[in-house]
Amino acid sequence: MPDFLVIGAARAGTTAIYSYLRQSPDIFMPRVKEPNFFAFEGQTQACRGPGADYINNSVTRLEDYRGLFAAAPGGAIRGEASPLYLYAEQAAARIRHHIPDARLVVVLRNPVEQAFSHYMYATKQRIEPLADFVTALHAEERRMADGWQPLFCYSGFPRYAEQMARYLALFPREQLLIRLYEDFEGDPAGLMQDILAHVGVTSGFRPDMAQKHNAGGVPKNRVFQDFLMKSNPITRAIGKVVPQETRLRIRDRLASLNLTREDAMPAEARAILLARLGDQIRALEPMIGRDLSGWLV
């Protein structure tokens, strides 16, 4: 079982952190990022809607989850990264049951910006059918009732005060490293050293952080993005001869080159998100001891 978990938040650098941690010779992390075991242990997934495979392919059996770490060399620090652990209501209790001494890593992003970034990511992946973020926000309740995956509950996903309360009630504060996305943006190398120390790496290792990971954006050519992201005869044929990790790396590189970044969130969407999440931001401040007033504008 793992010694540490990166539990979130989604769209807050977790893919980059996972990649940088995997570089360490002291750490073993499975090739499968986001197995989601503690979010869905013992459940039969029946998620519907776009991108449902992400949820339905989660690892739900304990023996399969243990198997992810079977190749870890002796003495390695084992870990994995599944941002759904912050969101999923039962994840904290399951982690406490199975690995009560695990070190936990949390990087929180302004939830208003996180929600928009989630929307842009879904747009990049070509699983978001709505071209307007405000319309997508109003569609959340219907989508959740129809069994769509949690990503599409854009304003419900980053309710950090509720989520952090579950972990702080079950784990000693020293087991959680809690940082902000602003820390990652301002001093990524410093944040990585904090994380490495927290999970037990003492070798002085410093990862190569030149590569950028998992950016969102609007496709310049939607037909080409559909070709990259959606199953078709050509990509299925490539999948038979090219290893998955290599194939996904090439796909994501081509997809990123086909994006134009759209950083301007509609003012109406920002107002909706502040109304829905303002209380969460204010409640989070004393929980983590950080000034979050900048998230309220």
C-alpha atoms as a PDB file:
ATOM      1  CA  MET A   1       0.000   0.000   0.000  1.00  0.00           C
ATOM      2  CA  PRO A   2       1.206   3.551  -0.581  1.00  0.00           C
ATOM      3  CA  ASP A   3       3.124   5.624   1.936  1.00  0.00           C
ATOM      4  CA  PHE A   4       1.748   8.904   0.604  1.00  0.00           C
ATOM      5  CA  LEU A   5      -1.068  10.275  -1.541  1.00  0.00           C
ATOM      6  CA  VAL A   6      -1.440  13.444  -3.572  1.00  0.00           C
ATOM      7  CA  ILE A   7      -5.157  13.967  -2.951  1.00  0.00           C
ATOM      8  CA  GLY A   8      -5.788  17.153  -4.933  1.00  0.00           C
ATOM      9  CA  ALA A   9      -6.982  19.538  -5.867  1.00  0.00           C
ATOM     10  CA  ALA A  10      -7.857  18.901  -9.494  1.00  0.00           C
ATOM     11  CA  ARG A  11      -6.423  21.448 -11.946  1.00  0.00           C
ATOM     12  CA  ALA A  12      -3.919  22.591  -9.309  1.00  0.00           C
ATOM     13  CA  GLY A  13      -0.704  21.120 -10.643  1.00  0.00           C
ATOM     14  CA  THR A  14      -1.268  17.501  -9.600  1.00  0.00           C
ATOM     15  CA  THR A  15      -0.237  16.084 -12.987  1.00  0.00           C
ATOM     16  CA  ALA A  16       3.025  18.033 -12.896  1.00  0.00           C
ATOM     17  CA  ILE A  17       3.655  17.061  -9.268  1.00  0.00           C
ATOM     18  CA  TYR A  18       3.032  13.403 -10.116  1.00  0.00           C
ATOM     19  CA  SER A  19       5.492  13.628 -13.008  1.00  0.00           C
ATOM     20  CA  TYR A  20       8.170  15.340 -10.921  1.00  0.00           C
ATOM     21  CA  LEU A  21       7.815  12.889  -8.022  1.00  0.00           C
ATOM     22  CA  ARG A  22       8.147   9.929 -10.374  1.00  0.00           C
ATOM     23  CA  GLN A  23      11.596  11.176 -11.355  1.00  0.00           C
ATOM     24  CA  SER A  24      12.942  10.574  -7.859  1.00  0.00           C
ATOM     25  CA  PRO A  25      14.963   7.347  -7.479  1.00  0.00           C
ATOM     26  CA  ASP A  26      13.608   7.102  -3.928  1.00  0.00           C
ATOM     27  CA  ILE A  27       9.950   7.070  -4.993  1.00  0.00           C
ATOM     28  CA  PHE A  28       7.771   4.506  -6.738  1.00  0.00           C
ATOM     29  CA  MET A  29       4.520   5.682  -8.293  1.00  0.00           C
ATOM     30  CA  PRO A  30       2.412   3.521 -10.630  1.00  0.00           C
ATOM     31  CA  ARG A  31       2.314   4.322 -14.318  1.00  0.00           C
ATOM     32  CA  VAL A  32      -1.441   4.646 -13.860  1.00  0.00           C
ATOM     33  CA  LYS A  33      -2.117   8.147 -12.567  1.00  0.00           C
ATOM     34  CA  GLU A  34      -5.432   8.597 -10.760  1.00  0.00           C
ATOM     35  CA  PRO A  35      -6.457   5.022  -9.925  1.00  0.00           C
ATOM     36  CA  ASN A  36      -9.163   6.594  -7.702  1.00  0.00           C
ATOM     37  CA  PHE A  37      -9.312   3.556  -5.413  1.00  0.00           C
ATOM     38  CA  PHE A  38     -10.244   5.366  -2.206  1.00  0.00           C
ATOM     39  CA  ALA A  39     -12.931   7.307  -4.053  1.00  0.00           C
ATOM     40  CA  PHE A  40     -14.703   4.200  -5.360  1.00  0.00           C
ATOM     41  CA  GLU A  41     -13.578   1.183  -3.316  1.00  0.00           C
ATOM     42  CA  GLY A  42     -15.987  -1.719  -3.737  1.00  0.00           C
ATOM     43  CA  GLN A  43     -18.299   0.186  -6.041  1.00  0.00           C
ATOM     44  CA  THR A  44     -19.543  -0.804  -9.482  1.00  0.00           C
ATOM     45  CA  GLN A  45     -19.138   2.235 -11.653  1.00  0.00           C
ATOM     46  CA  ALA A  46     -22.028   3.191 -13.908  1.00  0.00           C
ATOM     47  CA  CYS A  47     -21.148   6.746 -14.808  1.00  0.00           C
ATOM     48  CA  ARG A  48     -22.784   8.083 -17.966  1.00  0.00           C
ATOM     49  CA  GLY A  49     -22.193  10.996 -20.273  1.00  0.00           C
ATOM     50  CA  PRO A  50     -19.012  12.326 -21.920  1.00  0.00           C
ATOM     51  CA  GLY A  51     -15.754  11.135 -20.436  1.00  0.00           C
ATOM     52  CA  ALA A  52     -17.460   8.411 -18.392  1.00  0.00           C
ATOM     53  CA  ASP A  53     -14.580   5.982 -18.987  1.00  0.00           C
ATOM     54  CA  TYR A  54     -12.382   8.007 -16.629  1.00  0.00           C
ATOM     55  CA  ILE A  55     -14.636   7.049 -13.713  1.00  0.00           C
ATOM     56  CA  ASN A  56     -15.714   3.632 -14.927  1.00  0.00           C
ATOM     57  CA  ASN A  57     -12.098   2.496 -15.344  1.00  0.00           C
ATOM     58  CA  SER A  58     -11.172   3.315 -11.735  1.00  0.00           C
ATOM     59  CA  VAL A  59      -9.519   0.633  -9.589  1.00  0.00           C
ATOM     60  CA  THR A  60     -12.170  -0.547  -7.131  1.00  0.00           C
ATOM     61  CA  ARG A  61     -10.806  -3.849  -5.743  1.00  0.00           C
ATOM     62  CA  LEU A  62      -8.214  -3.883  -2.969  1.00  0.00           C
ATOM     63  CA  GLU A  63      -6.156  -6.666  -4.548  1.00  0.00           C
ATOM     64  CA  ASP A  64      -5.953  -4.751  -7.832  1.00  0.00           C
ATOM     65  CA  TYR A  65      -4.927  -1.604  -6.005  1.00  0.00           C
ATOM     66  CA  ARG A  66      -2.170  -3.431  -4.115  1.00  0.00           C
ATOM     67  CA  GLY A  67      -1.045  -4.810  -7.453  1.00  0.00           C
ATOM     68  CA  LEU A  68      -0.234  -1.313  -8.673  1.00  0.00           C
ATOM     69  CA  PHE A  69       2.635  -1.226  -6.170  1.00  0.00           C
ATOM     70  CA  ALA A  70       3.868  -4.801  -6.636  1.00  0.00           C
ATOM     71  CA  ALA A  71       6.835  -3.691  -8.746  1.00  0.00           C
ATOM     72  CA  ALA A  72       8.113  -1.196  -6.165  1.00  0.00           C
ATOM     73  CA  PRO A  73      11.741  -1.959  -5.284  1.00  0.00           C
ATOM     74  CA  GLY A  74      12.632  -2.652  -1.679  1.00  0.00           C
ATOM     75  CA  GLY A  75      12.893   0.491   0.404  1.00  0.00           C
ATOM     76  CA  ALA A  76      11.067   2.674  -2.129  1.00  0.00           C
ATOM     77  CA  ILE A  77       8.632   5.315  -0.908  1.00  0.00           C
ATOM     78  CA  ARG A  78       5.343   4.374  -2.562  1.00  0.00           C
ATOM     79  CA  GLY A  79       2.752   6.917  -3.581  1.00  0.00           C
ATOM     80  CA  GLU A  80       0.026   7.830  -6.035  1.00  0.00           C
ATOM     81  CA  ALA A  81      -1.959  10.877  -7.127  1.00  0.00           C
ATOM     82  CA  SER A  82      -5.765  10.934  -7.434  1.00  0.00           C
ATOM     83  CA  PRO A  83      -7.333  14.414  -7.139  1.00  0.00           C
ATOM     84  CA  LEU A  84     -10.769  12.847  -6.735  1.00  0.00           C
ATOM     85  CA  TYR A  85      -9.776  11.901  -3.178  1.00  0.00           C
ATOM     86  CA  LEU A  86     -10.338  15.486  -2.090  1.00  0.00           C
ATOM     87  CA  TYR A  87     -13.769  15.588  -3.714  1.00  0.00           C
ATOM     88  CA  ALA A  88     -15.128  12.097  -2.943  1.00  0.00           C
ATOM     89  CA  GLU A  89     -17.086  12.085   0.318  1.00  0.00           C
ATOM     90  CA  GLN A  90     -15.944   8.643   1.512  1.00  0.00           C
ATOM     91  CA  ALA A  91     -12.291   8.888   0.465  1.00  0.00           C
ATOM     92  CA  ALA A  92     -10.913  10.348   3.708  1.00  0.00           C
ATOM     93  CA  ALA A  93     -12.501   7.610   5.833  1.00  0.00           C
ATOM     94  CA  ARG A  94     -11.274   4.880   3.494  1.00  0.00           C
ATOM     95  CA  ILE A  95      -7.740   6.249   3.550  1.00  0.00           C
ATOM     96  CA  ARG A  96      -7.898   6.412   7.347  1.00  0.00           C
ATOM     97  CA  HIS A  97      -9.043   2.777   7.434  1.00  0.00           C
ATOM     98  CA  HIS A  98      -6.416   1.329   5.080  1.00  0.00           C
ATOM     99  CA  ILE A  99      -3.350   3.557   5.518  1.00  0.00           C
ATOM    100  CA  PRO A 100      -3.857   5.715   8.630  1.00  0.00           C
ATOM    101  CA  ASP A 101      -0.211   6.856   8.706  1.00  0.00           C
ATOM    102  CA  ALA A 102      -0.047   7.948   5.067  1.00  0.00           C
ATOM    103  CA  ARG A 103       1.389  11.373   4.318  1.00  0.00           C
ATOM    104  CA  LEU A 104      -1.107  13.497   2.386  1.00  0.00           C
ATOM    105  CA  VAL A 105      -0.343  16.302  -0.072  1.00  0.00           C
ATOM    106  CA  VAL A 106      -2.937  18.966  -0.924  1.00  0.00           C
ATOM    107  CA  VAL A 107      -2.504  21.904  -3.303  1.00  0.00           C
ATOM    108  CA  LEU A 108      -5.573  24.150  -3.410  1.00  0.00           C
ATOM    109  CA  ARG A 109      -6.387  26.505  -6.261  1.00  0.00           C
ATOM    110  CA  ASN A 110      -8.730  29.489  -6.201  1.00  0.00           C
ATOM    111  CA  PRO A 111     -11.996  27.551  -6.685  1.00  0.00           C
ATOM    112  CA  VAL A 112     -13.397  30.126  -9.095  1.00  0.00           C
ATOM    113  CA  GLU A 113     -10.341  29.762 -11.330  1.00  0.00           C
ATOM    114  CA  GLN A 114     -10.314  26.017 -10.761  1.00  0.00           C
ATOM    115  CA  ALA A 115     -13.877  25.671 -12.026  1.00  0.00           C
ATOM    116  CA  PHE A 116     -13.070  27.578 -15.204  1.00  0.00           C
ATOM    117  CA  SER A 117      -9.862  25.589 -15.687  1.00  0.00           C
ATOM    118  CA  HIS A 118     -11.876  22.373 -15.363  1.00  0.00           C
ATOM    119  CA  TYR A 119     -14.215  23.634 -18.064  1.00  0.00           C
ATOM    120  CA  MET A 120     -11.277  24.538 -20.324  1.00  0.00           C
ATOM    121  CA  TYR A 121      -9.732  21.109 -19.735  1.00  0.00           C
ATOM    122  CA  ALA A 122     -13.007  19.390 -20.684  1.00  0.00           C
ATOM    123  CA  THR A 123     -13.122  21.577 -23.793  1.00  0.00           C
ATOM    124  CA  LYS A 124      -9.597  20.536 -24.715  1.00  0.00           C
ATOM    125  CA  GLN A 125     -10.480  16.864 -24.197  1.00  0.00           C
ATOM    126  CA  ARG A 126     -13.540  17.350 -26.428  1.00  0.00           C
ATOM    127  CA  ILE A 127     -15.908  15.977 -23.796  1.00  0.00           C
ATOM    128  CA  GLU A 128     -17.641  19.287 -22.976  1.00  0.00           C
ATOM    129  CA  PRO A 129     -20.439  19.737 -25.542  1.00  0.00           C
ATOM    130  CA  LEU A 130     -21.400  23.263 -24.433  1.00  0.00           C
ATOM    131  CA  ALA A 131     -19.447  26.150 -25.915  1.00  0.00           C
ATOM    132  CA  ASP A 132     -20.466  28.620 -23.194  1.00  0.00           C
ATOM    133  CA  PHE A 133     -19.252  28.364 -19.585  1.00  0.00           C
ATOM    134  CA  VAL A 134     -22.286  30.123 -18.108  1.00  0.00           C
ATOM    135  CA  THR A 135     -24.593  27.644 -19.815  1.00  0.00           C
ATOM    136  CA  ALA A 136     -22.455  24.804 -18.472  1.00  0.00           C
ATOM    137  CA  LEU A 137     -22.767  26.178 -14.929  1.00  0.00           C
ATOM    138  CA  HIS A 138     -26.551  26.220 -15.230  1.00  0.00           C
ATOM    139  CA  ALA A 139     -26.486  22.639 -16.564  1.00  0.00           C
ATOM    140  CA  GLU A 140     -24.681  21.192 -13.517  1.00  0.00           C
ATOM    141  CA  GLU A 141     -27.743  19.986 -11.587  1.00  0.00           C
ATOM    142  CA  ARG A 142     -29.272  18.248 -14.597  1.00  0.00           C
ATOM    143  CA  ARG A 143     -25.976  16.618 -15.527  1.00  0.00           C
ATOM    144  CA  MET A 144     -25.395  15.248 -12.042  1.00  0.00           C
ATOM    145  CA  ALA A 145     -28.969  13.897 -11.942  1.00  0.00           C
ATOM    146  CA  ASP A 146     -28.262  12.162 -15.245  1.00  0.00           C
ATOM    147  CA  GLY A 147     -25.173  10.440 -13.812  1.00  0.00           C
ATOM    148  CA  TRP A 148     -22.443  12.456 -15.513  1.00  0.00           C
ATOM    149  CA  GLN A 149     -18.986  12.287 -13.965  1.00  0.00           C
ATOM    150  CA  PRO A 150     -18.091  14.800 -11.184  1.00  0.00           C
ATOM    151  CA  LEU A 151     -15.875  16.942 -13.434  1.00  0.00           C
ATOM    152  CA  PHE A 152     -19.016  18.479 -14.935  1.00  0.00           C
ATOM    153  CA  CYS A 153     -20.189  19.764 -11.554  1.00  0.00           C
ATOM    154  CA  TYR A 154     -17.841  22.699 -12.026  1.00  0.00           C
ATOM    155  CA  SER A 155     -18.929  24.730  -9.008  1.00  0.00           C
ATOM    156  CA  GLY A 156     -19.531  21.682  -6.799  1.00  0.00           C
ATOM    157  CA  PHE A 157     -16.093  20.189  -7.333  1.00  0.00           C
ATOM    158  CA  PRO A 158     -13.950  22.781  -5.483  1.00  0.00           C
ATOM    159  CA  ARG A 159     -15.874  23.077  -2.197  1.00  0.00           C
ATOM    160  CA  TYR A 160     -12.635  22.984  -0.257  1.00  0.00           C
ATOM    161  CA  ALA A 161     -13.871  23.890   3.226  1.00  0.00           C
ATOM    162  CA  GLU A 162     -16.239  20.917   3.274  1.00  0.00           C
ATOM    163  CA  GLN A 163     -13.589  18.648   1.801  1.00  0.00           C
ATOM    164  CA  MET A 164     -10.714  19.694   4.051  1.00  0.00           C
ATOM    165  CA  ALA A 165     -12.937  19.384   7.123  1.00  0.00           C
ATOM    166  CA  ARG A 166     -13.292  15.659   6.437  1.00  0.00           C
ATOM    167  CA  TYR A 167      -9.517  15.172   6.417  1.00  0.00           C
ATOM    168  CA  LEU A 168      -8.742  17.426   9.368  1.00  0.00           C
ATOM    169  CA  ALA A 169     -11.293  15.492  11.433  1.00  0.00           C
ATOM    170  CA  LEU A 170      -9.557  12.174  10.732  1.00  0.00           C
ATOM    171  CA  PHE A 171      -5.835  12.911  10.411  1.00  0.00           C
ATOM    172  CA  PRO A 172      -3.287  14.771  12.564  1.00  0.00           C
ATOM    173  CA  ARG A 173      -2.470  18.117  10.981  1.00  0.00           C
ATOM    174  CA  GLU A 174       1.194  17.152  10.574  1.00  0.00           C
ATOM    175  CA  GLN A 175       0.247  14.357   8.163  1.00  0.00           C
ATOM    176  CA  LEU A 176      -1.147  16.905   5.702  1.00  0.00           C
ATOM    177  CA  LEU A 177       1.002  19.239   3.637  1.00  0.00           C
ATOM    178  CA  ILE A 178      -1.394  21.980   2.518  1.00  0.00           C
ATOM    179  CA  ARG A 179      -0.229  24.510  -0.045  1.00  0.00           C
ATOM    180  CA  LEU A 180      -1.805  26.852  -2.583  1.00  0.00           C
ATOM    181  CA  TYR A 181      -1.523  26.837  -6.348  1.00  0.00           C
ATOM    182  CA  GLU A 182      -0.027  30.295  -6.035  1.00  0.00           C
ATOM    183  CA  ASP A 183       2.872  28.670  -4.166  1.00  0.00           C
ATOM    184  CA  PHE A 184       3.355  26.282  -7.083  1.00  0.00           C
ATOM    185  CA  GLU A 185       3.250  29.073  -9.642  1.00  0.00           C
ATOM    186  CA  GLY A 186       5.515  31.396  -7.654  1.00  0.00           C
ATOM    187  CA  ASP A 187       8.174  28.894  -6.573  1.00  0.00           C
ATOM    188  CA  PRO A 188       7.607  25.464  -8.109  1.00  0.00           C
ATOM    189  CA  ALA A 189      11.053  24.198  -7.125  1.00  0.00           C
ATOM    190  CA  GLY A 190      10.513  25.279  -3.524  1.00  0.00           C
ATOM    191  CA  LEU A 191       7.112  23.626  -3.391  1.00  0.00           C
ATOM    192  CA  MET A 192       8.532  20.389  -4.776  1.00  0.00           C
ATOM    193  CA  GLN A 193      11.223  20.387  -2.096  1.00  0.00           C
ATOM    194  CA  ASP A 194       8.492  20.807   0.539  1.00  0.00           C
ATOM    195  CA  ILE A 195       6.590  17.858  -0.931  1.00  0.00           C
ATOM    196  CA  LEU A 196       9.661  15.651  -1.224  1.00  0.00           C
ATOM    197  CA  ALA A 197      10.583  16.342   2.396  1.00  0.00           C
ATOM    198  CA  HIS A 198       7.001  15.702   3.516  1.00  0.00           C
ATOM    199  CA  VAL A 199       6.852  12.266   1.871  1.00  0.00           C
ATOM    200  CA  GLY A 200      10.256  11.285   3.252  1.00  0.00           C
ATOM    201  CA  VAL A 201      12.838  11.909   0.515  1.00  0.00           C
ATOM    202  CA  THR A 202      16.090  13.026   2.173  1.00  0.00           C
ATOM    203  CA  SER A 203      18.533  12.581  -0.712  1.00  0.00           C
ATOM    204  CA  GLY A 204      18.489  16.199  -1.917  1.00  0.00           C
ATOM    205  CA  PHE A 205      16.972  15.113  -5.239  1.00  0.00           C
ATOM    206  CA  ARG A 206      15.770  17.904  -7.528  1.00  0.00           C
ATOM    207  CA  PRO A 207      13.445  17.038 -10.424  1.00  0.00           C
ATOM    208  CA  ASP A 208      13.705  18.317 -13.981  1.00  0.00           C
ATOM    209  CA  MET A 209      10.776  20.729 -14.146  1.00  0.00           C
ATOM    210  CA  ALA A 210      11.189  22.001 -17.703  1.00  0.00           C
ATOM    211  CA  GLN A 211       8.145  20.228 -19.130  1.00  0.00           C
ATOM    212  CA  LYS A 212       4.691  21.769 -18.753  1.00  0.00           C
ATOM    213  CA  HIS A 213       1.776  19.439 -18.064  1.00  0.00           C
ATOM    214  CA  ASN A 214      -1.955  19.196 -18.697  1.00  0.00           C
ATOM    215  CA  ALA A 215      -2.778  22.690 -19.913  1.00  0.00           C
ATOM    216  CA  GLY A 216      -6.344  23.545 -20.885  1.00  0.00           C
ATOM    217  CA  GLY A 217      -7.513  25.728 -23.708  1.00  0.00           C
ATOM    218  CA  VAL A 218      -9.719  26.098 -26.769  1.00  0.00           C
ATOM    219  CA  PRO A 219      -8.779  23.940 -29.785  1.00  0.00           C
ATOM    220  CA  LYS A 220      -7.703  25.915 -32.835  1.00  0.00           C
ATOM    221  CA  ASN A 221      -8.924  23.074 -35.046  1.00  0.00           C
ATOM    222  CA  ARG A 222     -11.755  21.104 -33.461  1.00  0.00           C
ATOM    223  CA  VAL A 223     -11.697  18.376 -36.130  1.00  0.00           C
ATOM    224  CA  PHE A 224      -8.031  17.669 -35.417  1.00  0.00           C
ATOM    225  CA  GLN A 225      -8.684  17.720 -31.660  1.00  0.00           C
ATOM    226  CA  ASP A 226     -11.512  15.234 -32.125  1.00  0.00           C
ATOM    227  CA  PHE A 227      -9.123  13.005 -34.082  1.00  0.00           C
ATOM    228  CA  LEU A 228      -6.590  13.113 -31.252  1.00  0.00           C
ATOM    229  CA  MET A 229      -8.969  12.715 -28.311  1.00  0.00           C
ATOM    230  CA  LYS A 230     -11.715  10.433 -29.602  1.00  0.00           C
ATOM    231  CA  SER A 231     -11.376   6.801 -30.576  1.00  0.00           C
ATOM    232  CA  ASN A 232     -11.177   6.183 -34.325  1.00  0.00           C
ATOM    233  CA  PRO A 233      -9.754   3.436 -36.592  1.00  0.00           C
ATOM    234  CA  ILE A 234      -6.389   5.171 -37.000  1.00  0.00           C
ATOM    235  CA  THR A 235      -5.782   5.808 -33.290  1.00  0.00           C
ATOM    236  CA  ARG A 236      -6.961   2.281 -32.438  1.00  0.00           C
ATOM    237  CA  ALA A 237      -4.467   0.850 -34.948  1.00  0.00           C
ATOM    238  CA  ILE A 238      -1.682   2.973 -33.463  1.00  0.00           C
ATOM    239  CA  GLY A 239      -2.680   1.740 -30.029  1.00  0.00           C
ATOM    240  CA  LYS A 240      -1.925  -1.840 -31.039  1.00  0.00           C
ATOM    241  CA  VAL A 241       1.755  -1.116 -31.746  1.00  0.00           C
ATOM    242  CA  VAL A 242       2.675   1.921 -29.624  1.00  0.00           C
ATOM    243  CA  PRO A 243       2.859   1.597 -25.806  1.00  0.00           C
ATOM    244  CA  GLN A 244       0.104   3.521 -24.037  1.00  0.00           C
ATOM    245  CA  GLU A 245       2.418   5.825 -22.088  1.00  0.00           C
ATOM    246  CA  THR A 246       4.259   6.840 -25.271  1.00  0.00           C
ATOM    247  CA  ARG A 247       1.015   7.178 -27.209  1.00  0.00           C
ATOM    248  CA  LEU A 248      -0.564   9.453 -24.588  1.00  0.00           C
ATOM    249  CA  ARG A 249       2.550  11.596 -24.339  1.00  0.00           C
ATOM    250  CA  ILE A 250       2.552  12.155 -28.118  1.00  0.00           C
ATOM    251  CA  ARG A 251      -1.209  12.768 -28.138  1.00  0.00           C
ATOM    252  CA  ASP A 252      -1.037  15.344 -25.357  1.00  0.00           C
ATOM    253  CA  ARG A 253       1.885  17.122 -26.988  1.00  0.00           C
ATOM    254  CA  LEU A 254       0.020  17.426 -30.296  1.00  0.00           C
ATOM    255  CA  ALA A 255      -3.152  18.472 -28.495  1.00  0.00           C
ATOM    256  CA  SER A 256      -1.339  21.230 -26.608  1.00  0.00           C
ATOM    257  CA  LEU A 257       0.075  22.609 -29.867  1.00  0.00           C
ATOM    258  CA  ASN A 258      -3.495  22.793 -31.196  1.00  0.00           C
ATOM    259  CA  LEU A 259      -4.713  24.974 -28.311  1.00  0.00           C
ATOM    260  CA  THR A 260      -5.204  28.664 -27.981  1.00  0.00           C
ATOM    261  CA  ARG A 261      -5.274  29.718 -24.361  1.00  0.00           C
ATOM    262  CA  GLU A 262      -8.403  31.611 -23.285  1.00  0.00           C
ATOM    263  CA  ASP A 263      -7.799  33.153 -19.888  1.00  0.00           C
ATOM    264  CA  ALA A 264     -10.726  35.552 -19.750  1.00  0.00           C
ATOM    265  CA  MET A 265     -13.590  34.099 -17.728  1.00  0.00           C
ATOM    266  CA  PRO A 266     -16.980  35.645 -18.518  1.00  0.00           C
ATOM    267  CA  ALA A 267     -17.942  38.177 -15.846  1.00  0.00           C
ATOM    268  CA  GLU A 268     -21.336  36.521 -15.412  1.00  0.00           C
ATOM    269  CA  ALA A 269     -19.670  33.168 -14.744  1.00  0.00           C
ATOM    270  CA  ARG A 270     -17.352  34.707 -12.147  1.00  0.00           C
ATOM    271  CA  ALA A 271     -20.312  36.265 -10.364  1.00  0.00           C
ATOM    272  CA  ILE A 272     -22.151  32.920 -10.302  1.00  0.00           C
ATOM    273  CA  LEU A 273     -19.103  31.116  -8.918  1.00  0.00           C
ATOM    274  CA  LEU A 274     -18.416  33.719  -6.229  1.00  0.00           C
ATOM    275  CA  ALA A 275     -22.024  33.484  -5.105  1.00  0.00           C
ATOM    276  CA  ARG A 276     -21.809  29.696  -4.916  1.00  0.00           C
ATOM    277  CA  LEU A 277     -18.311  29.422  -3.426  1.00  0.00           C
ATOM    278  CA  GLY A 278     -17.709  32.590  -1.409  1.00  0.00           C
ATOM    279  CA  ASP A 279     -18.770  31.006   1.876  1.00  0.00           C
ATOM    280  CA  GLN A 280     -16.440  28.076   1.213  1.00  0.00           C
ATOM    281  CA  ILE A 281     -13.496  30.407   0.680  1.00  0.00           C
ATOM    282  CA  ARG A 282     -14.182  32.327   3.874  1.00  0.00           C
ATOM    283  CA  ALA A 283     -14.584  29.113   5.888  1.00  0.00           C
ATOM    284  CA  LEU A 284     -11.340  27.702   4.508  1.00  0.00           C
ATOM    285  CA  GLU A 285      -9.135  30.600   5.640  1.00  0.00           C
ATOM    286  CA  PRO A 286      -8.976  29.725   9.375  1.00  0.00           C
ATOM    287  CA  MET A 287      -8.788  26.009   8.596  1.00  0.00           C
ATOM    288  CA  ILE A 288      -5.487  26.324   6.739  1.00  0.00           C
ATOM    289  CA  GLY A 289      -4.194  29.592   8.189  1.00  0.00           C
ATOM    290  CA  ARG A 290      -3.900  31.438   4.881  1.00  0.00           C
ATOM    291  CA  ASP A 291      -5.261  34.787   3.698  1.00  0.00           C
ATOM    292  CA  LEU A 292      -7.577  33.977   0.779  1.00  0.00           C
ATOM    293  CA  SER A 293      -9.079  37.427   0.275  1.00  0.00           C
ATOM    294  CA  GLY A 294      -7.619  37.490  -3.220  1.00  0.00           C
ATOM    295  CA  TRP A 295      -9.922  34.620  -4.160  1.00  0.00           C
ATOM    296  CA  LEU A 296     -13.007  36.716  -3.419  1.00  0.00           C
ATOM    297  CA  VAL A 297     -12.556  39.320  -6.170  1.00  0.00           C
END
